[in-house]
Amino acid sequence: QDGSIHLLVDSTGLKIFGAGAWNAHKHRRLNERRGWRKLHVGVDGEGFAVAAKLTESTADDAATLPDLLAQIDAPIGRFTADGAYDSRGVYEQVGVAGTSEVMIVVPPKRGAVPTTGASDPWRQRNAALRRIGEIGRQDWNRESGYRQQARVENVFGRYKHVLGEGLRARDPDAQSAEAMIGCHVLNRMLD
């Protein structure tokens, strides 16, 4: 092993519990919008959360990637994410943080077209588009190993099942600490 990791990233929403949600429930104002935050998590190939960040619900998934990559000490040998990370910036950031032969598995958006004169690692996206055209998206998902993305979905399932679907803290800094402690607890349980 060269010390590199397989990084899988995704995000999920966490409700904010507090007086607003309690009052809406008490007074049966269920149509009122409740606040929520987005938890972005990077998971290694074994299912351990190696990076996490809590953001506003409107935060772009791809824009939080630099914060997740900054938390990882090992080089990335393989990167897997969903279509929200299909951008040239993501490929370039992972290329810098990864090994010289980093493999990036991100399904291109529907209707995407190859880029002429693409260089590594962006060239991998062109190869994915070509292969999807040959065998179809479902077969590409299986062949490329994209289905391993389920590992990060499992982390979200464990988080919400064990710790609940929401944040109890009201202050944004305390909410962030609560989410990071939750990820640490899940890692301890998995260990």
Protein backbone atom coordinates (compact mmCIF):
# COMPACT_ATOMS: atom_id res chain seq x y z
CA GLN A 1 0.00 0.00 0.00
CA ASP A 2 1.32 3.43 -0.94
CA GLY A 3 -0.40 5.17 2.00
CA SER A 4 -3.08 6.72 -0.19
CA ILE A 5 -6.77 6.58 0.66
CA HIS A 6 -10.03 6.13 -1.22
CA LEU A 7 -12.06 9.24 -0.40
CA LEU A 8 -15.84 9.22 -0.84
CA VAL A 9 -17.71 12.50 -0.26
CA ASP A 10 -21.33 13.57 -0.05
CA SER A 11 -23.66 15.71 2.03
CA THR A 12 -26.93 15.35 3.91
CA GLY A 13 -29.34 17.69 5.61
CA LEU A 14 -29.77 17.93 9.38
CA LYS A 15 -32.79 19.66 10.89
CA ILE A 16 -32.33 22.35 13.49
CA PHE A 17 -34.46 21.61 16.53
CA GLY A 18 -35.35 24.39 18.87
CA ALA A 19 -38.14 26.67 19.91
CA GLY A 20 -39.25 27.29 16.30
CA ALA A 21 -39.82 23.63 15.52
CA TRP A 22 -41.37 22.99 18.92
CA ASN A 23 -43.79 25.92 18.55
CA ALA A 24 -44.75 24.91 15.02
CA HIS A 25 -45.54 21.41 16.26
CA LYS A 26 -47.41 22.62 19.35
CA HIS A 27 -49.56 25.06 17.44
CA ARG A 28 -49.95 22.71 14.45
CA ARG A 29 -48.26 25.06 12.03
CA LEU A 30 -46.70 22.18 10.17
CA ASN A 31 -46.48 24.08 6.91
CA GLU A 32 -43.90 26.51 8.35
CA ARG A 33 -40.40 26.04 7.07
CA ARG A 34 -37.96 24.72 9.59
CA GLY A 35 -34.27 25.50 9.44
CA TRP A 36 -31.64 22.97 8.54
CA ARG A 37 -27.91 22.67 7.93
CA LYS A 38 -25.87 20.61 5.51
CA LEU A 39 -23.31 18.11 6.79
CA HIS A 40 -20.56 17.39 4.25
CA VAL A 41 -18.56 14.24 5.03
CA GLY A 42 -15.50 12.59 3.52
CA VAL A 43 -15.27 8.88 4.24
CA ASP A 44 -12.34 6.54 3.62
CA GLY A 45 -12.69 3.15 1.96
CA GLU A 46 -13.40 1.46 5.29
CA GLY A 47 -16.29 3.76 6.20
CA PHE A 48 -14.52 6.04 8.70
CA ALA A 49 -15.33 9.75 8.52
CA VAL A 50 -11.97 11.40 7.82
CA ALA A 51 -13.29 14.91 7.10
CA ALA A 52 -16.48 16.79 7.91
CA LYS A 53 -17.90 20.28 7.69
CA LEU A 54 -21.26 21.74 8.64
CA THR A 55 -22.55 24.54 6.41
CA GLU A 56 -25.67 26.54 5.71
CA SER A 57 -28.33 24.64 3.79
CA THR A 58 -27.64 26.70 0.67
CA ALA A 59 -23.93 25.79 0.47
CA ASP A 60 -22.71 24.24 -2.76
CA ASP A 61 -21.30 20.73 -2.30
CA ALA A 62 -18.35 21.28 -4.63
CA ALA A 63 -17.45 24.58 -2.92
CA THR A 64 -16.86 22.81 0.41
CA LEU A 65 -14.41 20.30 -1.07
CA PRO A 66 -11.27 22.39 -0.29
CA ASP A 67 -12.25 22.42 3.41
CA LEU A 68 -12.67 18.64 3.40
CA LEU A 69 -9.39 18.05 1.54
CA ALA A 70 -7.53 20.27 4.03
CA GLN A 71 -8.51 17.87 6.83
CA ILE A 72 -6.90 14.85 5.15
CA ASP A 73 -3.21 14.12 5.68
CA ALA A 74 -2.82 11.16 3.31
CA PRO A 75 -2.70 11.51 -0.46
CA ILE A 76 -5.86 10.50 -2.30
CA GLY A 77 -5.52 7.48 -4.56
CA ARG A 78 -9.18 7.32 -5.52
CA PHE A 79 -11.96 9.90 -5.23
CA THR A 80 -15.65 9.07 -5.55
CA ALA A 81 -18.51 11.56 -5.39
CA ASP A 82 -21.95 12.14 -6.88
CA GLY A 83 -22.83 14.39 -9.81
CA ALA A 84 -22.86 17.52 -7.62
CA TYR A 85 -19.05 17.35 -7.79
CA ASP A 86 -18.90 17.25 -11.60
CA SER A 87 -16.82 20.37 -12.22
CA ARG A 88 -13.37 21.12 -13.55
CA GLY A 89 -12.45 22.76 -10.23
CA VAL A 90 -13.15 19.55 -8.32
CA TYR A 91 -11.03 17.49 -10.70
CA GLU A 92 -8.16 19.97 -10.38
CA GLN A 93 -8.36 20.13 -6.56
CA VAL A 94 -8.39 16.34 -6.27
CA GLY A 95 -5.54 16.15 -8.78
CA VAL A 96 -3.44 18.40 -6.53
CA ALA A 97 -4.39 16.55 -3.32
CA GLY A 98 -4.09 13.11 -4.88
CA THR A 99 -1.33 10.81 -5.96
CA SER A 100 0.13 11.12 -9.45
CA GLU A 101 -2.27 8.41 -10.63
CA VAL A 102 -5.39 9.49 -8.71
CA MET A 103 -8.57 7.93 -10.05
CA ILE A 104 -11.61 10.21 -10.01
CA VAL A 105 -15.07 8.63 -10.23
CA VAL A 106 -17.76 11.30 -10.57
CA PRO A 107 -20.72 10.65 -12.86
CA PRO A 108 -20.89 13.43 -15.46
CA LYS A 109 -24.11 15.42 -15.57
CA ARG A 110 -26.64 14.32 -18.15
CA GLY A 111 -26.08 16.13 -21.40
CA ALA A 112 -22.40 16.74 -20.63
CA VAL A 113 -20.05 16.85 -23.60
CA PRO A 114 -16.34 15.99 -23.79
CA THR A 115 -13.83 18.82 -23.57
CA THR A 116 -11.29 19.02 -26.37
CA GLY A 117 -7.66 19.28 -25.33
CA ALA A 118 -8.39 18.17 -21.75
CA SER A 119 -5.39 17.34 -19.58
CA ASP A 120 -5.15 15.16 -16.49
CA PRO A 121 -7.14 14.77 -14.34
CA TRP A 122 -9.98 16.41 -16.33
CA ARG A 123 -9.30 13.90 -19.12
CA GLN A 124 -10.79 11.20 -16.87
CA ARG A 125 -14.18 12.88 -17.27
CA ASN A 126 -13.91 12.58 -21.06
CA ALA A 127 -13.10 8.88 -20.67
CA ALA A 128 -16.15 8.44 -18.42
CA LEU A 129 -18.39 10.20 -20.96
CA ARG A 130 -17.06 7.99 -23.74
CA ARG A 131 -17.56 4.82 -21.71
CA ILE A 132 -21.08 5.83 -20.63
CA GLY A 133 -21.88 6.32 -24.33
CA GLU A 134 -20.61 2.80 -25.06
CA ILE A 135 -22.19 0.78 -22.25
CA GLY A 136 -24.77 3.05 -20.58
CA ARG A 137 -24.84 4.84 -17.25
CA GLN A 138 -25.91 1.90 -15.07
CA ASP A 139 -23.21 -0.39 -16.40
CA TRP A 140 -20.66 2.44 -16.02
CA ASN A 141 -21.72 2.84 -12.37
CA ARG A 142 -20.99 -0.83 -11.79
CA GLU A 143 -17.80 -0.97 -13.87
CA SER A 144 -16.24 2.22 -12.45
CA GLY A 145 -16.91 1.33 -8.83
CA TYR A 146 -19.22 4.32 -8.39
CA ARG A 147 -21.54 2.14 -6.31
CA GLN A 148 -19.01 2.36 -3.48
CA GLN A 149 -20.58 5.79 -2.94
CA ALA A 150 -23.03 3.84 -0.77
CA ARG A 151 -20.37 3.81 1.98
CA VAL A 152 -20.86 7.50 2.66
CA GLU A 153 -24.64 7.03 2.47
CA ASN A 154 -24.25 4.35 5.15
CA VAL A 155 -22.49 6.89 7.38
CA PHE A 156 -25.46 9.24 7.00
CA GLY A 157 -27.86 6.41 7.78
CA ARG A 158 -25.90 5.49 10.93
CA TYR A 159 -25.64 9.15 11.95
CA LYS A 160 -29.38 9.73 11.68
CA HIS A 161 -30.33 6.40 13.24
CA VAL A 162 -27.97 6.64 16.22
CA LEU A 163 -27.75 10.40 16.81
CA GLY A 164 -31.01 11.62 15.29
CA GLU A 165 -31.91 13.62 12.22
CA GLY A 166 -31.24 17.00 13.69
CA LEU A 167 -29.05 19.35 15.66
CA ARG A 168 -30.10 20.42 19.12
CA ALA A 169 -27.69 23.34 19.51
CA ARG A 170 -28.92 26.77 18.43
CA ASP A 171 -25.64 28.59 17.89
CA PRO A 172 -23.94 27.83 14.51
CA ASP A 173 -20.56 27.17 16.18
CA ALA A 174 -22.16 24.82 18.69
CA GLN A 175 -24.05 23.08 15.85
CA SER A 176 -20.78 22.54 14.04
CA ALA A 177 -19.17 21.12 17.18
CA GLU A 178 -22.20 18.86 17.71
CA ALA A 179 -21.93 17.47 14.17
CA MET A 180 -18.15 16.90 14.47
CA ILE A 181 -18.63 15.10 17.81
CA GLY A 182 -21.31 12.98 16.14
CA CYS A 183 -18.89 11.95 13.38
CA HIS A 184 -16.24 11.13 16.00
CA VAL A 185 -18.74 9.00 17.94
CA LEU A 186 -19.63 7.06 14.79
CA ASN A 187 -15.95 6.43 14.08
CA ARG A 188 -15.47 5.14 17.63
CA MET A 189 -18.47 2.83 17.24
CA LEU A 190 -17.17 1.56 13.90
CA ASP A 191 -13.73 0.98 15.39
